[in-house]
Amino acid sequence: MDTYSFLRELADSWVLLAMFAFFAGAAVWAFWPGLSHAREDASMIPFRNDTAEKSCTNDCAACKCGDEWKDKFNV
């Protein structure tokens, strides 16, 4: 048996089986129920540095919040 035939037979059987086992193991590990906290933490990475915008209730005597749109549009 020459080298090419041996490597082709090896790749067609055992290497394919090893790659499938790795894929199945990675899929099981990714969806393991105990890792749900880690998945949720990773999904919130883009929002970690966001700060909540200050909301105005417009109930103070010298409130200028309602006039902010006038400054933006030069009215």
PDB file of N, CA and C in Angstrom:
ATOM      1  N   MET A   1       0.854  -1.169   0.000  1.00  0.00           N
ATOM      2  CA  MET A   1       0.000   0.000   0.000  1.00  0.00           C
ATOM      3  C   MET A   1       0.904   1.237   0.000  1.00  0.00           C
ATOM      4  N   ASP A   2       0.654   2.131  -0.917  1.00  0.00           N
ATOM      5  CA  ASP A   2       1.476   3.344  -0.968  1.00  0.00           C
ATOM      6  C   ASP A   2       0.960   4.372   0.050  1.00  0.00           C
ATOM      7  N   THR A   3       1.722   5.414   0.230  1.00  0.00           N
ATOM      8  CA  THR A   3       1.436   6.411   1.265  1.00  0.00           C
ATOM      9  C   THR A   3       0.128   7.141   1.007  1.00  0.00           C
ATOM     10  N   TYR A   4      -0.120   7.512  -0.238  1.00  0.00           N
ATOM     11  CA  TYR A   4      -1.337   8.239  -0.567  1.00  0.00           C
ATOM     12  C   TYR A   4      -2.588   7.433  -0.217  1.00  0.00           C
ATOM     13  N   SER A   5      -2.600   6.183  -0.572  1.00  0.00           N
ATOM     14  CA  SER A   5      -3.766   5.337  -0.293  1.00  0.00           C
ATOM     15  C   SER A   5      -3.983   5.176   1.207  1.00  0.00           C
ATOM     16  N   PHE A   6      -2.892   5.019   1.939  1.00  0.00           N
ATOM     17  CA  PHE A   6      -3.002   4.881   3.384  1.00  0.00           C
ATOM     18  C   PHE A   6      -3.568   6.160   4.009  1.00  0.00           C
ATOM     19  N   LEU A   7      -3.038   7.319   3.628  1.00  0.00           N
ATOM     20  CA  LEU A   7      -3.529   8.575   4.196  1.00  0.00           C
ATOM     21  C   LEU A   7      -4.961   8.862   3.781  1.00  0.00           C
ATOM     22  N   ARG A   8      -5.319   8.497   2.559  1.00  0.00           N
ATOM     23  CA  ARG A   8      -6.700   8.696   2.095  1.00  0.00           C
ATOM     24  C   ARG A   8      -7.663   7.825   2.893  1.00  0.00           C
ATOM     25  N   GLU A   9      -7.290   6.595   3.139  1.00  0.00           N
ATOM     26  CA  GLU A   9      -8.134   5.705   3.917  1.00  0.00           C
ATOM     27  C   GLU A   9      -8.251   6.185   5.362  1.00  0.00           C
ATOM     28  N   LEU A  10      -7.156   6.675   5.925  1.00  0.00           N
ATOM     29  CA  LEU A  10      -7.161   7.202   7.285  1.00  0.00           C
ATOM     30  C   LEU A  10      -8.065   8.432   7.388  1.00  0.00           C
ATOM     31  N   ALA A  11      -7.953   9.339   6.414  1.00  0.00           N
ATOM     32  CA  ALA A  11      -8.768  10.546   6.433  1.00  0.00           C
ATOM     33  C   ALA A  11     -10.240  10.228   6.231  1.00  0.00           C
ATOM     34  N   ASP A  12     -10.549   9.266   5.403  1.00  0.00           N
ATOM     35  CA  ASP A  12     -11.938   8.905   5.144  1.00  0.00           C
ATOM     36  C   ASP A  12     -12.617   8.254   6.338  1.00  0.00           C
ATOM     37  N   SER A  13     -11.860   7.675   7.235  1.00  0.00           N
ATOM     38  CA  SER A  13     -12.492   6.958   8.330  1.00  0.00           C
ATOM     39  C   SER A  13     -12.235   7.629   9.681  1.00  0.00           C
ATOM     40  N   TRP A  14     -11.035   7.528  10.197  1.00  0.00           N
ATOM     41  CA  TRP A  14     -10.761   7.938  11.566  1.00  0.00           C
ATOM     42  C   TRP A  14     -10.705   9.449  11.763  1.00  0.00           C
ATOM     43  N   VAL A  15     -10.150  10.151  10.813  1.00  0.00           N
ATOM     44  CA  VAL A  15     -10.074  11.607  10.951  1.00  0.00           C
ATOM     45  C   VAL A  15     -11.479  12.204  10.851  1.00  0.00           C
ATOM     46  N   LEU A  16     -12.295  11.659   9.958  1.00  0.00           N
ATOM     47  CA  LEU A  16     -13.675  12.121   9.861  1.00  0.00           C
ATOM     48  C   LEU A  16     -14.420  11.855  11.160  1.00  0.00           C
ATOM     49  N   LEU A  17     -14.214  10.723  11.745  1.00  0.00           N
ATOM     50  CA  LEU A  17     -14.842  10.388  13.017  1.00  0.00           C
ATOM     51  C   LEU A  17     -14.357  11.320  14.126  1.00  0.00           C
ATOM     52  N   ALA A  18     -13.080  11.626  14.165  1.00  0.00           N
ATOM     53  CA  ALA A  18     -12.532  12.525  15.179  1.00  0.00           C
ATOM     54  C   ALA A  18     -13.081  13.945  15.007  1.00  0.00           C
ATOM     55  N   MET A  19     -13.199  14.419  13.767  1.00  0.00           N
ATOM     56  CA  MET A  19     -13.739  15.755  13.537  1.00  0.00           C
ATOM     57  C   MET A  19     -15.213  15.826  13.951  1.00  0.00           C
ATOM     58  N   PHE A  20     -15.972  14.794  13.672  1.00  0.00           N
ATOM     59  CA  PHE A  20     -17.376  14.781  14.084  1.00  0.00           C
ATOM     60  C   PHE A  20     -17.487  14.755  15.607  1.00  0.00           C
ATOM     61  N   ALA A  21     -16.637  13.981  16.266  1.00  0.00           N
ATOM     62  CA  ALA A  21     -16.660  13.929  17.732  1.00  0.00           C
ATOM     63  C   ALA A  21     -16.318  15.290  18.326  1.00  0.00           C
ATOM     64  N   PHE A  22     -15.356  15.991  17.743  1.00  0.00           N
ATOM     65  CA  PHE A  22     -15.003  17.327  18.215  1.00  0.00           C
ATOM     66  C   PHE A  22     -16.179  18.286  18.023  1.00  0.00           C
ATOM     67  N   PHE A  23     -16.829  18.242  16.863  1.00  0.00           N
ATOM     68  CA  PHE A  23     -17.978  19.104  16.593  1.00  0.00           C
ATOM     69  C   PHE A  23     -19.116  18.823  17.563  1.00  0.00           C
ATOM     70  N   ALA A  24     -19.429  17.562  17.773  1.00  0.00           N
ATOM     71  CA  ALA A  24     -20.509  17.201  18.698  1.00  0.00           C
ATOM     72  C   ALA A  24     -20.171  17.633  20.124  1.00  0.00           C
ATOM     73  N   GLY A  25     -18.927  17.461  20.532  1.00  0.00           N
ATOM     74  CA  GLY A  25     -18.517  17.888  21.871  1.00  0.00           C
ATOM     75  C   GLY A  25     -18.594  19.395  22.034  1.00  0.00           C
ATOM     76  N   ALA A  26     -18.198  20.153  21.021  1.00  0.00           N
ATOM     77  CA  ALA A  26     -18.273  21.616  21.088  1.00  0.00           C
ATOM     78  C   ALA A  26     -19.728  22.072  21.146  1.00  0.00           C
ATOM     79  N   ALA A  27     -20.608  21.421  20.401  1.00  0.00           N
ATOM     80  CA  ALA A  27     -22.026  21.788  20.421  1.00  0.00           C
ATOM     81  C   ALA A  27     -22.647  21.489  21.782  1.00  0.00           C
ATOM     82  N   VAL A  28     -22.331  20.353  22.355  1.00  0.00           N
ATOM     83  CA  VAL A  28     -22.856  20.009  23.682  1.00  0.00           C
ATOM     84  C   VAL A  28     -22.319  20.978  24.713  1.00  0.00           C
ATOM     85  N   TRP A  29     -21.045  21.316  24.647  1.00  0.00           N
ATOM     86  CA  TRP A  29     -20.445  22.246  25.605  1.00  0.00           C
ATOM     87  C   TRP A  29     -21.067  23.633  25.481  1.00  0.00           C
ATOM     88  N   ALA A  30     -21.339  24.097  24.272  1.00  0.00           N
ATOM     89  CA  ALA A  30     -21.884  25.439  24.065  1.00  0.00           C
ATOM     90  C   ALA A  30     -23.294  25.573  24.627  1.00  0.00           C
ATOM     91  N   PHE A  31     -24.086  24.520  24.564  1.00  0.00           N
ATOM     92  CA  PHE A  31     -25.462  24.584  25.032  1.00  0.00           C
ATOM     93  C   PHE A  31     -25.681  23.893  26.367  1.00  0.00           C
ATOM     94  N   TRP A  32     -24.620  23.651  27.112  1.00  0.00           N
ATOM     95  CA  TRP A  32     -24.730  23.005  28.414  1.00  0.00           C
ATOM     96  C   TRP A  32     -25.531  23.906  29.353  1.00  0.00           C
ATOM     97  N   PRO A  33     -26.528  23.371  30.058  1.00  0.00           N
ATOM     98  CA  PRO A  33     -27.395  24.212  30.893  1.00  0.00           C
ATOM     99  C   PRO A  33     -26.656  24.980  31.982  1.00  0.00           C
ATOM    100  N   GLY A  34     -25.586  24.468  32.492  1.00  0.00           N
ATOM    101  CA  GLY A  34     -24.855  25.150  33.555  1.00  0.00           C
ATOM    102  C   GLY A  34     -24.106  26.387  33.088  1.00  0.00           C
ATOM    103  N   LEU A  35     -23.970  26.561  31.798  1.00  0.00           N
ATOM    104  CA  LEU A  35     -23.241  27.709  31.268  1.00  0.00           C
ATOM    105  C   LEU A  35     -24.160  28.855  30.851  1.00  0.00           C
ATOM    106  N   SER A  36     -25.423  28.811  31.236  1.00  0.00           N
ATOM    107  CA  SER A  36     -26.360  29.855  30.803  1.00  0.00           C
ATOM    108  C   SER A  36     -25.966  31.223  31.350  1.00  0.00           C
ATOM    109  N   HIS A  37     -25.424  31.271  32.573  1.00  0.00           N
ATOM    110  CA  HIS A  37     -24.986  32.554  33.133  1.00  0.00           C
ATOM    111  C   HIS A  37     -23.825  33.128  32.315  1.00  0.00           C
ATOM    112  N   ALA A  38     -22.911  32.294  31.911  1.00  0.00           N
ATOM    113  CA  ALA A  38     -21.773  32.768  31.109  1.00  0.00           C
ATOM    114  C   ALA A  38     -22.239  33.251  29.736  1.00  0.00           C
ATOM    115  N   ARG A  39     -23.211  32.551  29.139  1.00  0.00           N
ATOM    116  CA  ARG A  39     -23.745  33.005  27.840  1.00  0.00           C
ATOM    117  C   ARG A  39     -24.443  34.344  27.973  1.00  0.00           C
ATOM    118  N   GLU A  40     -25.216  34.525  29.035  1.00  0.00           N
ATOM    119  CA  GLU A  40     -25.912  35.799  29.224  1.00  0.00           C
ATOM    120  C   GLU A  40     -24.920  36.920  29.493  1.00  0.00           C
ATOM    121  N   ASP A  41     -23.893  36.645  30.271  1.00  0.00           N
ATOM    122  CA  ASP A  41     -22.868  37.651  30.537  1.00  0.00           C
ATOM    123  C   ASP A  41     -22.147  38.042  29.251  1.00  0.00           C
ATOM    124  N   ALA A  42     -21.838  37.090  28.411  1.00  0.00           N
ATOM    125  CA  ALA A  42     -21.172  37.387  27.145  1.00  0.00           C
ATOM    126  C   ALA A  42     -22.078  38.162  26.198  1.00  0.00           C
ATOM    127  N   SER A  43     -23.378  37.909  26.245  1.00  0.00           N
ATOM    128  CA  SER A  43     -24.293  38.622  25.347  1.00  0.00           C
ATOM    129  C   SER A  43     -24.477  40.076  25.754  1.00  0.00           C
ATOM    130  N   MET A  44     -24.147  40.423  26.993  1.00  0.00           N
ATOM    131  CA  MET A  44     -24.305  41.797  27.458  1.00  0.00           C
ATOM    132  C   MET A  44     -23.030  42.632  27.326  1.00  0.00           C
ATOM    133  N   ILE A  45     -21.967  42.090  26.746  1.00  0.00           N
ATOM    134  CA  ILE A  45     -20.711  42.815  26.601  1.00  0.00           C
ATOM    135  C   ILE A  45     -20.881  44.152  25.878  1.00  0.00           C
ATOM    136  N   PRO A  46     -21.640  44.245  24.791  1.00  0.00           N
ATOM    137  CA  PRO A  46     -21.764  45.547  24.118  1.00  0.00           C
ATOM    138  C   PRO A  46     -22.430  46.623  24.967  1.00  0.00           C
ATOM    139  N   PHE A  47     -23.175  46.245  25.992  1.00  0.00           N
ATOM    140  CA  PHE A  47     -23.912  47.214  26.787  1.00  0.00           C
ATOM    141  C   PHE A  47     -23.274  47.511  28.140  1.00  0.00           C
ATOM    142  N   ARG A  48     -22.102  47.021  28.406  1.00  0.00           N
ATOM    143  CA  ARG A  48     -21.489  47.196  29.727  1.00  0.00           C
ATOM    144  C   ARG A  48     -21.183  48.647  30.051  1.00  0.00           C
ATOM    145  N   ASN A  49     -20.754  49.429  29.088  1.00  0.00           N
ATOM    146  CA  ASN A  49     -20.330  50.803  29.356  1.00  0.00           C
ATOM    147  C   ASN A  49     -21.423  51.822  29.082  1.00  0.00           C
ATOM    148  N   ASP A  50     -22.618  51.398  28.764  1.00  0.00           N
ATOM    149  CA  ASP A  50     -23.718  52.333  28.540  1.00  0.00           C
ATOM    150  C   ASP A  50     -24.214  52.876  29.867  1.00  0.00           C
ATOM    151  N   THR A  51     -24.562  54.147  29.845  1.00  0.00           N
ATOM    152  CA  THR A  51     -25.152  54.761  31.022  1.00  0.00           C
ATOM    153  C   THR A  51     -26.583  55.151  30.679  1.00  0.00           C
ATOM    154  N   ALA A  52     -27.435  55.094  31.642  1.00  0.00           N
ATOM    155  CA  ALA A  52     -28.834  55.443  31.419  1.00  0.00           C
ATOM    156  C   ALA A  52     -28.948  56.946  31.221  1.00  0.00           C
ATOM    157  N   GLU A  53     -29.778  57.353  30.265  1.00  0.00           N
ATOM    158  CA  GLU A  53     -29.976  58.768  30.031  1.00  0.00           C
ATOM    159  C   GLU A  53     -30.833  59.354  31.137  1.00  0.00           C
ATOM    160  N   LYS A  54     -30.536  60.585  31.465  1.00  0.00           N
ATOM    161  CA  LYS A  54     -31.272  61.268  32.509  1.00  0.00           C
ATOM    162  C   LYS A  54     -32.643  61.643  31.963  1.00  0.00           C
ATOM    163  N   SER A  55     -33.674  61.227  32.632  1.00  0.00           N
ATOM    164  CA  SER A  55     -35.023  61.553  32.175  1.00  0.00           C
ATOM    165  C   SER A  55     -35.539  62.748  32.961  1.00  0.00           C
ATOM    166  N   CYS A  56     -36.235  63.611  32.289  1.00  0.00           N
ATOM    167  CA  CYS A  56     -36.760  64.827  32.899  1.00  0.00           C
ATOM    168  C   CYS A  56     -38.267  64.686  33.072  1.00  0.00           C
ATOM    169  N   THR A  57     -38.766  65.142  34.198  1.00  0.00           N
ATOM    170  CA  THR A  57     -40.204  65.084  34.452  1.00  0.00           C
ATOM    171  C   THR A  57     -40.887  66.407  34.158  1.00  0.00           C
ATOM    172  N   ASN A  58     -40.101  67.442  33.800  1.00  0.00           N
ATOM    173  CA  ASN A  58     -40.616  68.780  33.463  1.00  0.00           C
ATOM    174  C   ASN A  58     -41.460  69.386  34.589  1.00  0.00           C
ATOM    175  N   ASP A  59     -41.109  69.110  35.830  1.00  0.00           N
ATOM    176  CA  ASP A  59     -41.900  69.660  36.926  1.00  0.00           C
ATOM    177  C   ASP A  59     -41.120  70.680  37.755  1.00  0.00           C
ATOM    178  N   CYS A  60     -39.928  71.055  37.336  1.00  0.00           N
ATOM    179  CA  CYS A  60     -39.181  72.073  38.073  1.00  0.00           C
ATOM    180  C   CYS A  60     -39.546  73.463  37.530  1.00  0.00           C
ATOM    181  N   ALA A  61     -39.332  74.476  38.351  1.00  0.00           N
ATOM    182  CA  ALA A  61     -39.765  75.833  37.998  1.00  0.00           C
ATOM    183  C   ALA A  61     -38.958  76.400  36.830  1.00  0.00           C
ATOM    184  N   ALA A  62     -37.682  76.115  36.759  1.00  0.00           N
ATOM    185  CA  ALA A  62     -36.834  76.685  35.713  1.00  0.00           C
ATOM    186  C   ALA A  62     -36.432  75.628  34.687  1.00  0.00           C
ATOM    187  N   CYS A  63     -37.352  74.776  34.309  1.00  0.00           N
ATOM    188  CA  CYS A  63     -37.058  73.672  33.400  1.00  0.00           C
ATOM    189  C   CYS A  63     -36.868  74.184  31.977  1.00  0.00           C
ATOM    190  N   LYS A  64     -35.752  73.811  31.375  1.00  0.00           N
ATOM    191  CA  LYS A  64     -35.461  74.183  29.998  1.00  0.00           C
ATOM    192  C   LYS A  64     -35.450  72.956  29.089  1.00  0.00           C
ATOM    193  N   CYS A  65     -35.852  71.827  29.599  1.00  0.00           N
ATOM    194  CA  CYS A  65     -35.792  70.583  28.830  1.00  0.00           C
ATOM    195  C   CYS A  65     -36.718  70.605  27.626  1.00  0.00           C
ATOM    196  N   GLY A  66     -37.853  71.258  27.760  1.00  0.00           N
ATOM    197  CA  GLY A  66     -38.786  71.323  26.658  1.00  0.00           C
ATOM    198  C   GLY A  66     -38.293  72.190  25.524  1.00  0.00           C
ATOM    199  N   ASP A  67     -37.307  73.045  25.793  1.00  0.00           N
ATOM    200  CA  ASP A  67     -36.780  73.959  24.775  1.00  0.00           C
ATOM    201  C   ASP A  67     -35.540  73.423  24.081  1.00  0.00           C
ATOM    202  N   GLU A  68     -35.093  72.208  24.419  1.00  0.00           N
ATOM    203  CA  GLU A  68     -33.884  71.660  23.802  1.00  0.00           C
ATOM    204  C   GLU A  68     -34.038  71.479  22.303  1.00  0.00           C
ATOM    205  N   TRP A  69     -35.209  71.128  21.837  1.00  0.00           N
ATOM    206  CA  TRP A  69     -35.415  70.913  20.406  1.00  0.00           C
ATOM    207  C   TRP A  69     -35.287  72.230  19.651  1.00  0.00           C
ATOM    208  N   LYS A  70     -35.587  73.363  20.283  1.00  0.00           N
ATOM    209  CA  LYS A  70     -35.450  74.661  19.626  1.00  0.00           C
ATOM    210  C   LYS A  70     -33.992  74.978  19.348  1.00  0.00           C
ATOM    211  N   ASP A  71     -33.104  74.607  20.279  1.00  0.00           N
ATOM    212  CA  ASP A  71     -31.674  74.830  20.082  1.00  0.00           C
ATOM    213  C   ASP A  71     -31.131  73.944  18.962  1.00  0.00           C
ATOM    214  N   LYS A  72     -31.640  72.750  18.835  1.00  0.00           N
ATOM    215  CA  LYS A  72     -31.149  71.820  17.821  1.00  0.00           C
ATOM    216  C   LYS A  72     -31.555  72.256  16.412  1.00  0.00           C
ATOM    217  N   PHE A  73     -32.754  72.834  16.298  1.00  0.00           N
ATOM    218  CA  PHE A  73     -33.275  73.180  14.972  1.00  0.00           C
ATOM    219  C   PHE A  73     -33.253  74.678  14.704  1.00  0.00           C
ATOM    220  N   ASN A  74     -32.620  75.463  15.570  1.00  0.00           N
ATOM    221  CA  ASN A  74     -32.480  76.925  15.411  1.00  0.00           C
ATOM    222  C   ASN A  74     -33.824  77.615  15.219  1.00  0.00           C
ATOM    223  N   VAL A  75     -34.777  77.301  16.098  1.00  0.00           N
ATOM    224  CA  VAL A  75     -36.099  77.921  16.007  1.00  0.00           C
ATOM    225  C   VAL A  75     -36.172  79.066  16.977  1.00  0.00           C
TER     226      VAL A  75
END
